[in-house]
Amino acid sequence: MAGDEDRAAEAAAEAERARQEAEQARDEAEAAEERAEMHAPPHDPVLDTGVRRIEAGVDEDNPYGRPGAPLSEQSPFRIAFVAAMGVAVAALLVDSIIIARQVLILILVAAFLAVGLDPAVRWLVAHGLKRGLAVLVIVFVALGFFGGFVAAVAPPIATQSSALVKKAPDYAERLTENKTIKKLDNHYHFVSKLQAKAKKGINVNAFGGVLGVGKAILGFVVSTLTVIILTIYFLANMPAIKRTMYRVVPRTRRARVGLLTDEILNRVGGYVLGNLFTSLVAGVATLIWLEAFGVPYAVALSLFIAITDLIPLIGATIGAIGVTAVALFQGVPTGIATFAYYMAYQQFENYVLQPRVMKRTVDVAPVVTIVAALLGGALLGVLGALIAVPIAAGIQLILTEVAFPRQDEA
C-alpha cells in the first residue's frame, strides 16, 4: 500500500512539472508574438483583402471602393505619356495612309463620282422614283453610255492607232523635208533616233512583258469594278451617310452645317457634270475640224482631246499640242491652221463656255482655281487636279459664310 501511494505522489509531481513547463512555453510564445508585433509592419492592403476593403471604403453604393483623386493635369508623367501617345498615333496614322493610299484613292474617286451623279439621282427622286430605283437608272444609263461609246469608238481607235504607229517612221522621215530641221538633224541625228524608236515599237513578246501587261490589265479591271461598286453604294446610301456625318456636329449647329454641306456637294456635282460637258464639246468640235480638213485618225485624236480636256489648266494645251503635231504631218498649212484653231477654241472655252456652264455651280476666283489645280496635281497627279477646284469652292464657301463673319464680329 505504501508503494502505491509513493507512485501516485510521484505521478502527481510529474504532471505538475509538465503543466508548469507548458505554461512557461505558452508565456514565452505570447511574449515572442508581442515582440514580433511590435517590430512587424502594418497589414499590407495589397495582400490583405479585409484591410483593402476597409481602406478603399467599400459600401453598397461603391462595391469596389470610392474613386480616388484624379491624377493632376500638370503631372509630368501624364503630360509626357499623352504627348508620346499622340506622336505614336499620328505616326501610325500616317504610315497606315501611305500603305493604303491606292485603296484610299479608289474610295476618293468613287465618292467624287457619287457626288457628281447625286444631282441626277435627286432629280429622279423628286419626280416620283424611289432612291434605289433612281440609282439603278442613273448607273445603267451611265454604264450604257460609256459602253456604247467604247463600242462605237474602240474599233476605229484601234485601227487608226495601229496605222499611226506603223506610219510613225514615215512621219519622222518627212521632218527632213524642212531645211532647218534637216540642218539640225545633220548635227544631232535626232530624226534617225526617232525612226529607230518608231520601228522598234513596244516590245511585249518577252515573258515578263506579257505578264506585266496582263497584270496591268487585271489591276485596271479590278480597280474599275471597285470604283463602280463603291460609287453605287455611295449613291444609294448618300442620305444615310450625310445624316451620320451631321450627327457628329453639335445639335445647335447641325442645321447650318447641313445647309453648307449640301451647297458644297451641289457645287462638286455641278463641277463634275460641267467638266464632262465641256470635254464632250471639245471632243466633238475637234472631230468636226479634223474631218473637215482631212486629218487622219480623227476619231482617236478627238477622244484624246476629250480626255485631256478634263484636266484643268494644262489638259487642253496638251491635247492641242498632240493634235497639232499630227496635223503638221498632213501638211504645214493644215498644222498651222489647226494650231490657230486650238488657240481660238481655248479662248472660247476659257472665257465663254466654262463661265456659262460653271456660273451657277462652282463660283471660284481664277487665281484660286490655278493655285488649287497646281497643288492638287502636285499631291495626287491628274486626280488631284480634277478634285482640287470643287474642294477649293467648298473652302471658299466656308470662309465666306463662317470664317469672315466671325472675324468681322471680333
Protein backbone atom coordinates (compact mmCIF):
# COMPACT_ATOMS: atom_id res chain seq x y z
CA MET A 1 0.00 0.00 0.00
CA ALA A 2 2.85 2.32 0.83
CA GLY A 3 4.41 1.65 -2.58
CA ASP A 4 1.18 2.61 -4.39
CA GLU A 5 0.96 5.91 -2.56
CA ASP A 6 4.57 6.77 -3.47
CA ARG A 7 3.92 6.09 -7.15
CA ALA A 8 0.77 8.22 -7.10
CA ALA A 9 2.61 11.10 -5.46
CA GLU A 10 5.41 10.82 -7.98
CA ALA A 11 2.90 10.88 -10.92
CA ALA A 12 1.19 13.94 -9.47
CA ALA A 13 4.53 15.73 -9.15
CA GLU A 14 5.40 14.81 -12.76
CA ALA A 15 2.05 16.17 -14.01
CA GLU A 16 2.59 19.41 -12.06
CA ARG A 17 6.01 19.85 -13.63
CA ALA A 18 4.54 19.24 -17.16
CA ARG A 19 1.81 21.80 -16.52
CA GLN A 20 4.32 24.38 -15.38
CA GLU A 21 6.53 23.75 -18.43
CA ALA A 22 3.50 24.12 -20.73
CA GLU A 23 2.52 27.41 -19.09
CA GLN A 24 6.10 28.62 -19.38
CA ALA A 25 6.20 27.70 -23.09
CA ARG A 26 2.88 29.46 -23.69
CA ASP A 27 4.11 32.56 -21.91
CA GLU A 28 7.27 32.55 -23.97
CA ALA A 29 5.25 32.17 -27.20
CA GLU A 30 2.97 35.06 -26.27
CA ALA A 31 5.98 37.20 -25.42
CA ALA A 32 7.61 36.34 -28.73
CA GLU A 33 4.41 37.19 -30.58
CA GLU A 34 4.16 40.53 -28.79
CA ARG A 35 7.77 41.30 -29.62
CA ALA A 36 7.12 40.35 -33.31
CA GLU A 37 4.03 42.55 -33.49
CA MET A 38 5.96 45.45 -32.02
CA HIS A 39 8.57 45.25 -34.78
CA ALA A 40 6.33 43.99 -37.68
CA PRO A 41 5.00 46.42 -40.37
CA PRO A 42 1.25 47.20 -40.59
CA HIS A 43 -1.00 44.94 -42.63
CA ASP A 44 -0.48 45.45 -46.42
CA PRO A 45 -3.83 46.22 -48.18
CA VAL A 46 -2.47 44.63 -51.37
CA LEU A 47 -2.10 41.32 -49.54
CA ASP A 48 -4.94 41.55 -47.01
CA THR A 49 -8.38 41.68 -48.66
CA GLY A 50 -10.14 42.80 -45.48
CA VAL A 51 -7.80 45.73 -44.93
CA ARG A 52 -8.04 46.57 -48.61
CA ARG A 53 -11.85 46.79 -48.48
CA ILE A 54 -11.71 49.00 -45.37
CA GLU A 55 -9.15 51.39 -46.82
CA ALA A 56 -10.98 51.53 -50.18
CA GLY A 57 -14.25 52.48 -48.46
CA VAL A 58 -16.38 49.65 -49.82
CA ASP A 59 -20.13 50.04 -49.23
CA GLU A 60 -23.40 49.31 -51.02
CA ASP A 61 -23.04 52.26 -53.40
CA ASN A 62 -19.34 51.63 -54.06
CA PRO A 63 -18.79 47.85 -54.14
CA TYR A 64 -15.20 48.39 -55.32
CA GLY A 65 -14.41 51.37 -53.17
CA ARG A 66 -14.66 55.14 -53.56
CA PRO A 67 -12.79 56.71 -56.51
CA GLY A 68 -9.58 58.42 -55.56
CA ALA A 69 -8.46 61.90 -56.55
CA PRO A 70 -7.66 62.18 -60.28
CA LEU A 71 -4.10 62.48 -61.46
CA SER A 72 -3.11 66.11 -61.73
CA GLU A 73 -3.33 67.53 -65.23
CA GLN A 74 0.03 69.17 -64.61
CA SER A 75 1.66 65.87 -63.72
CA PRO A 76 4.87 65.43 -65.75
CA PHE A 77 4.05 61.75 -66.20
CA ARG A 78 0.61 62.50 -67.58
CA ILE A 79 1.88 65.21 -69.94
CA ALA A 80 4.73 63.04 -71.23
CA PHE A 81 2.50 59.99 -71.65
CA VAL A 82 -0.20 61.87 -73.56
CA ALA A 83 2.40 63.55 -75.79
CA ALA A 84 4.12 60.25 -76.54
CA MET A 85 0.81 58.55 -77.33
CA GLY A 86 -0.18 61.43 -79.61
CA VAL A 87 3.06 61.17 -81.56
CA ALA A 88 2.72 57.38 -81.80
CA VAL A 89 -0.89 57.57 -83.02
CA ALA A 90 -0.02 60.28 -85.58
CA ALA A 91 2.91 58.24 -86.90
CA LEU A 92 0.75 55.11 -87.10
CA LEU A 93 -1.99 57.04 -88.91
CA VAL A 94 0.43 58.49 -91.48
CA ASP A 95 2.01 55.09 -92.04
CA SER A 96 -1.42 53.50 -92.50
CA ILE A 97 -2.44 56.14 -95.02
CA ILE A 98 0.77 55.60 -97.01
CA ILE A 99 0.24 51.84 -97.06
CA ALA A 100 -3.43 52.12 -98.06
CA ARG A 101 -3.06 55.08 -100.43
CA GLN A 102 -4.14 53.10 -103.51
CA VAL A 103 -7.35 51.97 -101.83
CA LEU A 104 -7.97 55.47 -100.48
CA ILE A 105 -7.57 56.90 -103.99
CA LEU A 106 -10.20 54.46 -105.31
CA ILE A 107 -12.54 55.44 -102.47
CA LEU A 108 -11.95 59.11 -103.24
CA VAL A 109 -12.68 58.59 -106.94
CA ALA A 110 -15.88 56.69 -106.12
CA ALA A 111 -17.02 59.37 -103.68
CA PHE A 112 -16.24 62.09 -106.24
CA LEU A 113 -18.28 60.30 -108.93
CA ALA A 114 -21.13 59.64 -106.50
CA VAL A 115 -21.32 63.30 -105.54
CA GLY A 116 -21.24 64.22 -109.24
CA LEU A 117 -24.11 61.84 -110.10
CA ASP A 118 -26.18 62.60 -106.99
CA PRO A 119 -27.96 65.65 -108.51
CA ALA A 120 -29.34 63.42 -111.28
CA VAL A 121 -30.48 60.85 -108.71
CA ARG A 122 -32.17 63.55 -106.62
CA TRP A 123 -33.91 64.87 -109.74
CA LEU A 124 -35.41 61.43 -110.41
CA VAL A 125 -36.42 61.09 -106.75
CA ALA A 126 -38.14 64.47 -106.92
CA HIS A 127 -40.14 63.17 -109.91
CA GLY A 128 -41.53 60.17 -108.05
CA LEU A 129 -38.93 57.40 -108.23
CA LYS A 130 -37.60 55.67 -105.13
CA ARG A 131 -33.95 56.34 -104.47
CA GLY A 132 -32.83 52.74 -105.07
CA LEU A 133 -34.57 52.64 -108.43
CA ALA A 134 -33.24 56.09 -109.32
CA VAL A 135 -29.69 54.96 -108.54
CA LEU A 136 -30.10 51.89 -110.76
CA VAL A 137 -31.46 54.04 -113.61
CA ILE A 138 -28.55 56.51 -113.41
CA VAL A 139 -25.96 53.73 -113.12
CA PHE A 140 -27.39 51.81 -116.07
CA VAL A 141 -27.60 54.97 -118.16
CA ALA A 142 -24.01 55.91 -117.30
CA LEU A 143 -22.67 52.40 -117.96
CA GLY A 144 -24.75 52.10 -121.12
CA PHE A 145 -23.47 55.43 -122.41
CA PHE A 146 -19.89 54.51 -121.56
CA GLY A 147 -20.22 51.02 -123.04
CA GLY A 148 -21.89 52.29 -126.20
CA PHE A 149 -19.28 54.99 -126.56
CA VAL A 150 -16.44 52.48 -126.19
CA ALA A 151 -18.11 50.05 -128.60
CA ALA A 152 -18.53 52.82 -131.16
CA VAL A 153 -15.05 54.32 -130.96
CA ALA A 154 -12.92 51.30 -130.00
CA PRO A 155 -12.70 49.74 -133.50
CA PRO A 156 -11.71 52.98 -135.29
CA ILE A 157 -9.39 53.92 -132.43
CA ALA A 158 -7.64 50.55 -132.60
CA THR A 159 -7.35 50.72 -136.40
CA GLN A 160 -6.23 54.33 -136.51
CA SER A 161 -3.83 53.95 -133.60
CA SER A 162 -2.18 50.95 -135.25
CA ALA A 163 -1.91 52.82 -138.53
CA LEU A 164 -0.47 55.84 -136.73
CA VAL A 165 2.20 53.68 -135.07
CA LYS A 166 3.08 51.98 -138.39
CA LYS A 167 3.42 55.29 -140.21
CA ALA A 168 5.43 56.94 -137.45
CA PRO A 169 8.77 56.22 -139.22
CA ASP A 170 7.43 57.84 -142.40
CA TYR A 171 6.32 60.88 -140.44
CA ALA A 172 9.77 61.13 -138.90
CA GLU A 173 11.30 60.95 -142.38
CA ARG A 174 9.10 63.82 -143.53
CA LEU A 175 10.68 66.04 -140.95
CA THR A 176 13.86 66.13 -143.03
CA GLU A 177 11.98 67.82 -145.87
CA ASN A 178 12.23 71.03 -143.86
CA LYS A 179 15.62 72.69 -144.47
CA THR A 180 16.03 73.93 -140.90
CA ILE A 181 15.16 70.56 -139.39
CA LYS A 182 17.45 68.80 -141.87
CA LYS A 183 20.33 71.10 -140.94
CA LEU A 184 19.75 70.38 -137.23
CA ASP A 185 19.49 66.66 -137.95
CA ASN A 186 22.89 66.71 -139.64
CA HIS A 187 24.34 67.86 -136.31
CA TYR A 188 22.26 65.91 -133.76
CA HIS A 189 20.81 62.99 -135.79
CA PHE A 190 17.56 63.06 -133.84
CA VAL A 191 15.43 62.03 -136.85
CA SER A 192 17.29 58.74 -137.19
CA LYS A 193 16.82 58.12 -133.47
CA LEU A 194 13.09 58.80 -133.80
CA GLN A 195 12.88 56.41 -136.75
CA ALA A 196 14.70 53.69 -134.83
CA LYS A 197 12.38 54.01 -131.85
CA ALA A 198 9.31 54.12 -134.08
CA LYS A 199 10.38 50.97 -135.96
CA LYS A 200 11.23 49.18 -132.73
CA GLY A 201 7.81 49.91 -131.24
CA ILE A 202 6.68 48.40 -127.96
CA ASN A 203 8.17 45.00 -127.22
CA VAL A 204 5.85 42.81 -125.17
CA ASN A 205 6.96 39.49 -126.59
CA ALA A 206 9.13 38.68 -123.61
CA PHE A 207 7.51 36.51 -120.96
CA GLY A 208 7.96 39.20 -118.35
CA GLY A 209 6.48 41.82 -120.64
CA VAL A 210 3.39 39.73 -121.30
CA LEU A 211 2.94 39.11 -117.59
CA GLY A 212 3.40 42.80 -116.88
CA VAL A 213 0.74 43.78 -119.42
CA GLY A 214 -1.61 41.10 -118.11
CA LYS A 215 -1.08 42.24 -114.56
CA ALA A 216 -1.72 45.86 -115.53
CA ILE A 217 -4.94 44.93 -117.35
CA LEU A 218 -6.14 42.81 -114.42
CA GLY A 219 -5.35 45.62 -111.98
CA PHE A 220 -7.24 48.10 -114.15
CA VAL A 221 -10.28 45.82 -114.34
CA VAL A 222 -10.28 45.23 -110.57
CA SER A 223 -9.89 48.95 -109.85
CA THR A 224 -12.71 49.81 -112.26
CA LEU A 225 -15.08 47.28 -110.70
CA THR A 226 -14.15 48.54 -107.22
CA VAL A 227 -14.91 52.14 -108.20
CA ILE A 228 -18.23 51.15 -109.79
CA ILE A 229 -19.36 49.15 -106.75
CA LEU A 230 -18.32 51.87 -104.31
CA THR A 231 -20.00 54.55 -106.43
CA ILE A 232 -23.27 52.60 -106.41
CA TYR A 233 -23.00 52.11 -102.64
CA PHE A 234 -22.30 55.81 -102.01
CA LEU A 235 -25.16 56.86 -104.27
CA ALA A 236 -27.65 54.51 -102.65
CA ASN A 237 -26.64 55.48 -99.11
CA MET A 238 -25.89 59.17 -99.64
CA PRO A 239 -28.71 60.42 -97.34
CA ALA A 240 -27.71 57.99 -94.56
CA ILE A 241 -24.04 58.94 -94.92
CA LYS A 242 -24.89 62.63 -94.66
CA ARG A 243 -27.11 62.06 -91.61
CA THR A 244 -24.30 60.19 -89.87
CA MET A 245 -21.86 62.99 -90.64
CA TYR A 246 -24.30 65.62 -89.40
CA ARG A 247 -24.78 63.82 -86.06
CA VAL A 248 -21.09 64.33 -85.32
CA VAL A 249 -21.80 68.06 -85.21
CA PRO A 250 -23.44 69.58 -82.08
CA ARG A 251 -27.23 69.78 -82.42
CA THR A 252 -27.28 73.57 -82.25
CA ARG A 253 -25.13 73.78 -85.39
CA ARG A 254 -26.47 70.88 -87.44
CA ALA A 255 -28.93 72.91 -89.50
CA ARG A 256 -26.33 75.42 -90.68
CA VAL A 257 -23.69 72.74 -91.24
CA GLY A 258 -26.23 70.74 -93.25
CA LEU A 259 -27.04 73.69 -95.49
CA LEU A 260 -23.38 74.47 -96.09
CA THR A 261 -22.56 70.82 -96.79
CA ASP A 262 -25.44 70.48 -99.24
CA GLU A 263 -24.24 73.56 -101.08
CA ILE A 264 -20.68 72.20 -101.25
CA LEU A 265 -21.92 68.85 -102.58
CA ASN A 266 -24.07 70.66 -105.14
CA ARG A 267 -21.04 72.59 -106.32
CA VAL A 268 -18.98 69.41 -106.61
CA GLY A 269 -21.74 67.71 -108.59
CA GLY A 270 -22.14 70.75 -110.82
CA TYR A 271 -18.42 70.85 -111.45
CA VAL A 272 -18.28 67.17 -112.44
CA LEU A 273 -21.21 67.44 -114.85
CA GLY A 274 -19.99 70.76 -116.21
CA ASN A 275 -16.48 69.45 -116.80
CA LEU A 276 -17.83 66.40 -118.61
CA PHE A 277 -19.98 68.65 -120.80
CA THR A 278 -17.12 70.98 -121.79
CA SER A 279 -14.89 67.98 -122.57
CA LEU A 280 -17.62 66.50 -124.75
CA VAL A 281 -17.93 69.78 -126.64
CA ALA A 282 -14.15 69.90 -127.13
CA GLY A 283 -14.08 66.35 -128.49
CA VAL A 284 -16.99 66.88 -130.90
CA ALA A 285 -15.56 70.20 -132.13
CA THR A 286 -12.17 68.52 -132.73
CA LEU A 287 -13.81 65.69 -134.67
CA ILE A 288 -15.64 68.17 -136.92
CA TRP A 289 -12.47 70.20 -137.54
CA LEU A 290 -10.25 67.21 -138.33
CA GLU A 291 -12.84 65.65 -140.65
CA ALA A 292 -13.29 68.97 -142.45
CA PHE A 293 -9.54 69.29 -143.13
CA GLY A 294 -9.00 65.61 -143.87
CA VAL A 295 -6.62 65.00 -140.97
CA PRO A 296 -6.25 61.24 -140.44
CA TYR A 297 -7.12 59.44 -137.23
CA ALA A 298 -9.85 61.96 -136.41
CA VAL A 299 -11.76 59.66 -134.01
CA ALA A 300 -8.70 58.69 -131.97
CA LEU A 301 -7.48 62.29 -131.77
CA SER A 302 -10.94 63.56 -130.80
CA LEU A 303 -11.10 61.08 -127.93
CA PHE A 304 -7.61 62.16 -126.89
CA ILE A 305 -8.77 65.80 -126.79
CA ALA A 306 -11.91 64.93 -124.78
CA ILE A 307 -9.85 63.05 -122.17
CA THR A 308 -7.09 65.64 -121.81
CA ASP A 309 -9.64 68.46 -121.65
CA LEU A 310 -10.83 67.03 -118.32
CA ILE A 311 -7.50 68.11 -116.76
CA PRO A 312 -7.68 71.72 -115.57
CA LEU A 313 -5.24 74.34 -116.86
CA ILE A 314 -2.84 72.22 -118.90
CA GLY A 315 -5.11 69.47 -120.25
CA ALA A 316 -6.40 71.41 -123.28
CA THR A 317 -2.87 72.56 -124.14
CA ILE A 318 -1.50 69.01 -124.01
CA GLY A 319 -4.25 67.78 -126.29
CA ALA A 320 -3.78 70.69 -128.70
CA ILE A 321 -0.03 70.02 -129.00
CA GLY A 322 -0.60 66.36 -129.80
CA VAL A 323 -3.28 67.01 -132.44
CA THR A 324 -1.29 69.86 -134.00
CA ALA A 325 1.76 67.60 -134.33
CA VAL A 326 -0.27 65.02 -136.25
CA ALA A 327 -1.85 67.72 -138.41
CA LEU A 328 1.61 69.05 -139.31
CA PHE A 329 2.45 65.69 -140.89
CA GLN A 330 -0.61 66.15 -143.08
CA GLY A 331 0.80 69.48 -144.24
CA VAL A 332 2.32 72.63 -142.81
CA PRO A 333 -0.71 74.82 -143.69
CA THR A 334 -3.03 72.27 -142.06
CA GLY A 335 -0.86 72.17 -138.96
CA ILE A 336 -0.72 75.96 -138.68
CA ALA A 337 -4.49 76.21 -139.18
CA THR A 338 -5.06 73.53 -136.53
CA PHE A 339 -2.79 75.36 -134.10
CA ALA A 340 -4.66 78.64 -134.71
CA TYR A 341 -7.97 76.82 -134.26
CA TYR A 342 -6.97 75.49 -130.86
CA MET A 343 -5.70 78.87 -129.72
CA ALA A 344 -9.08 80.37 -130.63
CA TYR A 345 -11.05 77.46 -129.16
CA GLN A 346 -9.22 77.64 -125.85
CA GLN A 347 -10.13 81.30 -125.53
CA PHE A 348 -13.74 80.43 -126.32
CA GLU A 349 -13.75 77.59 -123.77
CA ASN A 350 -11.99 79.56 -121.02
CA TYR A 351 -13.92 82.84 -121.34
CA VAL A 352 -17.29 81.89 -122.86
CA LEU A 353 -18.16 78.20 -122.45
CA GLN A 354 -16.81 77.34 -119.00
CA PRO A 355 -18.01 80.54 -117.25
CA ARG A 356 -21.53 79.95 -118.57
CA VAL A 357 -21.52 76.26 -117.62
CA MET A 358 -19.96 76.77 -114.18
CA LYS A 359 -21.68 80.06 -113.31
CA ARG A 360 -24.46 78.58 -111.21
CA THR A 361 -22.50 75.65 -109.77
CA VAL A 362 -18.87 76.50 -109.00
CA ASP A 363 -18.05 80.11 -108.22
CA VAL A 364 -14.29 80.28 -107.67
CA ALA A 365 -11.87 83.11 -108.37
CA PRO A 366 -9.48 82.39 -111.29
CA VAL A 367 -6.36 82.71 -109.12
CA VAL A 368 -7.83 80.20 -106.63
CA THR A 369 -8.56 77.81 -109.50
CA ILE A 370 -4.97 77.99 -110.73
CA VAL A 371 -3.41 77.54 -107.28
CA ALA A 372 -5.80 74.72 -106.36
CA ALA A 373 -5.16 72.84 -109.60
CA LEU A 374 -1.39 73.18 -109.21
CA LEU A 375 -1.44 71.95 -105.60
CA GLY A 376 -3.86 69.13 -106.39
CA GLY A 377 -1.75 67.98 -109.32
CA ALA A 378 1.41 68.03 -107.22
CA LEU A 379 -0.23 65.97 -104.45
CA LEU A 380 -2.34 63.43 -106.36
CA GLY A 381 -1.49 63.90 -110.03
CA VAL A 382 -4.37 64.11 -112.51
CA LEU A 383 -6.91 63.05 -109.88
CA GLY A 384 -5.74 65.83 -107.57
CA ALA A 385 -6.06 68.40 -110.35
CA LEU A 386 -9.60 67.19 -111.07
CA ILE A 387 -10.90 67.39 -107.50
CA ALA A 388 -8.91 70.47 -106.45
CA VAL A 389 -11.31 73.02 -107.96
CA PRO A 390 -14.53 71.79 -106.22
CA ILE A 391 -12.59 71.41 -102.96
CA ALA A 392 -11.41 75.00 -103.35
CA ALA A 393 -15.03 76.01 -103.98
CA GLY A 394 -16.07 74.36 -100.71
CA ILE A 395 -13.25 76.02 -98.76
CA GLN A 396 -14.14 79.39 -100.26
CA LEU A 397 -17.79 78.93 -99.24
CA ILE A 398 -16.79 78.06 -95.66
CA LEU A 399 -14.50 81.09 -95.46
CA THR A 400 -17.21 83.38 -96.84
CA GLU A 401 -20.04 82.09 -94.66
CA VAL A 402 -18.22 81.13 -91.45
CA ALA A 403 -14.70 82.50 -91.03
CA PHE A 404 -15.09 86.02 -92.43
CA PRO A 405 -18.29 86.88 -90.46
CA ARG A 406 -16.62 85.79 -87.20
CA GLN A 407 -13.61 87.92 -87.95
CA ASP A 408 -15.85 90.89 -88.74
CA GLU A 409 -17.64 90.50 -85.39
CA ALA A 410 -14.41 90.09 -83.41
